[in-house]
Amino acid sequence: MYNAKFDKEDNGIGKRIAAARKLKKITAQQLCDKLEQYGISVSRPALGKWERGESVPSAYQIMAVFFALDIATFKRFGSSEN
């Protein structure tokens, strides 16, 4: 069962972003560049903060991450074409 409090304390979002980025074999800078294509301007240091759990992306930023990393489940969720 999902537990938001535990996920937040364990940096679940940041860990998932880092894991997906590494699975795609792209650098943090490459992800930042891809996010630009989706209208999100994020610096390499800011992305590092997300991955370390020092800050979290907004809902719009996380949707852009899903698209940039080609995470299909979330792409369907965010598509206005459905």
Protein backbone atom coordinates (compact mmCIF):
# COMPACT_ATOMS: atom_id res chain seq x y z
CA MET A 1 0.00 0.00 0.00
CA TYR A 2 1.31 3.44 -0.91
CA ASN A 3 2.25 5.73 1.97
CA ALA A 4 2.85 9.36 0.99
CA LYS A 5 4.48 10.26 4.32
CA PHE A 6 7.03 7.45 4.00
CA ASP A 7 7.61 8.21 0.31
CA LYS A 8 8.34 11.86 1.14
CA GLU A 9 10.67 10.95 4.01
CA ASP A 10 12.46 8.43 1.78
CA ASN A 11 12.79 10.85 -1.18
CA GLY A 12 10.68 8.60 -3.38
CA ILE A 13 10.20 11.17 -6.15
CA GLY A 14 13.88 12.07 -6.40
CA LYS A 15 14.99 8.46 -6.34
CA ARG A 16 12.52 7.59 -9.09
CA ILE A 17 13.68 10.50 -11.28
CA ALA A 18 17.33 9.52 -10.84
CA ALA A 19 16.63 5.84 -11.52
CA ALA A 20 14.57 6.55 -14.65
CA ARG A 21 17.21 8.97 -15.95
CA LYS A 22 19.97 6.43 -15.42
CA LEU A 23 17.87 3.67 -17.00
CA LYS A 24 17.58 5.86 -20.10
CA LYS A 25 21.36 6.43 -19.90
CA ILE A 26 21.15 10.20 -20.08
CA THR A 27 23.04 12.76 -18.04
CA ALA A 28 21.36 15.24 -15.77
CA GLN A 29 22.19 18.01 -18.24
CA GLN A 30 20.61 16.03 -21.07
CA LEU A 31 17.43 15.68 -19.02
CA CYS A 32 17.45 19.42 -18.35
CA ASP A 33 17.77 20.02 -22.09
CA LYS A 34 14.88 17.61 -22.81
CA LEU A 35 12.71 19.35 -20.23
CA GLU A 36 13.13 22.59 -22.18
CA GLN A 37 11.29 20.92 -25.07
CA TYR A 38 8.31 20.49 -22.73
CA GLY A 39 8.33 24.09 -21.54
CA ILE A 40 10.21 23.50 -18.29
CA SER A 41 13.38 25.44 -17.60
CA VAL A 42 15.34 23.73 -14.84
CA SER A 43 19.03 24.08 -14.07
CA ARG A 44 21.37 21.16 -13.50
CA PRO A 45 21.77 22.13 -9.81
CA ALA A 46 17.97 22.26 -9.38
CA LEU A 47 17.60 18.81 -10.94
CA GLY A 48 20.28 17.57 -8.54
CA LYS A 49 18.22 18.93 -5.64
CA TRP A 50 15.19 16.98 -6.86
CA GLU A 51 17.22 13.79 -7.10
CA ARG A 52 18.72 14.27 -3.62
CA GLY A 53 15.38 15.17 -2.04
CA GLU A 54 16.37 18.73 -1.15
CA SER A 55 13.39 20.03 -3.13
CA VAL A 56 10.58 18.53 -5.19
CA PRO A 57 9.30 19.35 -8.65
CA SER A 58 5.89 20.94 -9.11
CA ALA A 59 3.11 18.89 -10.64
CA TYR A 60 3.79 20.48 -14.04
CA GLN A 61 7.50 19.81 -13.76
CA ILE A 62 6.97 16.17 -12.84
CA MET A 63 4.60 15.72 -15.80
CA ALA A 64 7.33 17.11 -18.09
CA VAL A 65 9.80 14.65 -16.52
CA PHE A 66 7.42 11.78 -17.36
CA PHE A 67 7.25 12.93 -20.98
CA ALA A 68 10.98 13.64 -21.26
CA LEU A 69 11.86 10.20 -19.90
CA ASP A 70 9.14 8.53 -21.98
CA ILE A 71 7.35 7.00 -19.01
CA ALA A 72 4.30 5.67 -20.86
CA THR A 73 1.88 5.19 -17.96
CA PHE A 74 2.19 8.79 -16.91
CA LYS A 75 2.20 10.04 -20.48
CA ARG A 76 -1.27 8.54 -20.91
CA PHE A 77 -2.38 10.14 -17.65
CA GLY A 78 -1.21 13.56 -18.79
CA SER A 79 -2.37 13.44 -22.37
CA SER A 80 -5.17 15.80 -23.34
CA GLU A 81 -5.85 13.52 -26.32
CA ASN A 82 -7.57 10.82 -24.18
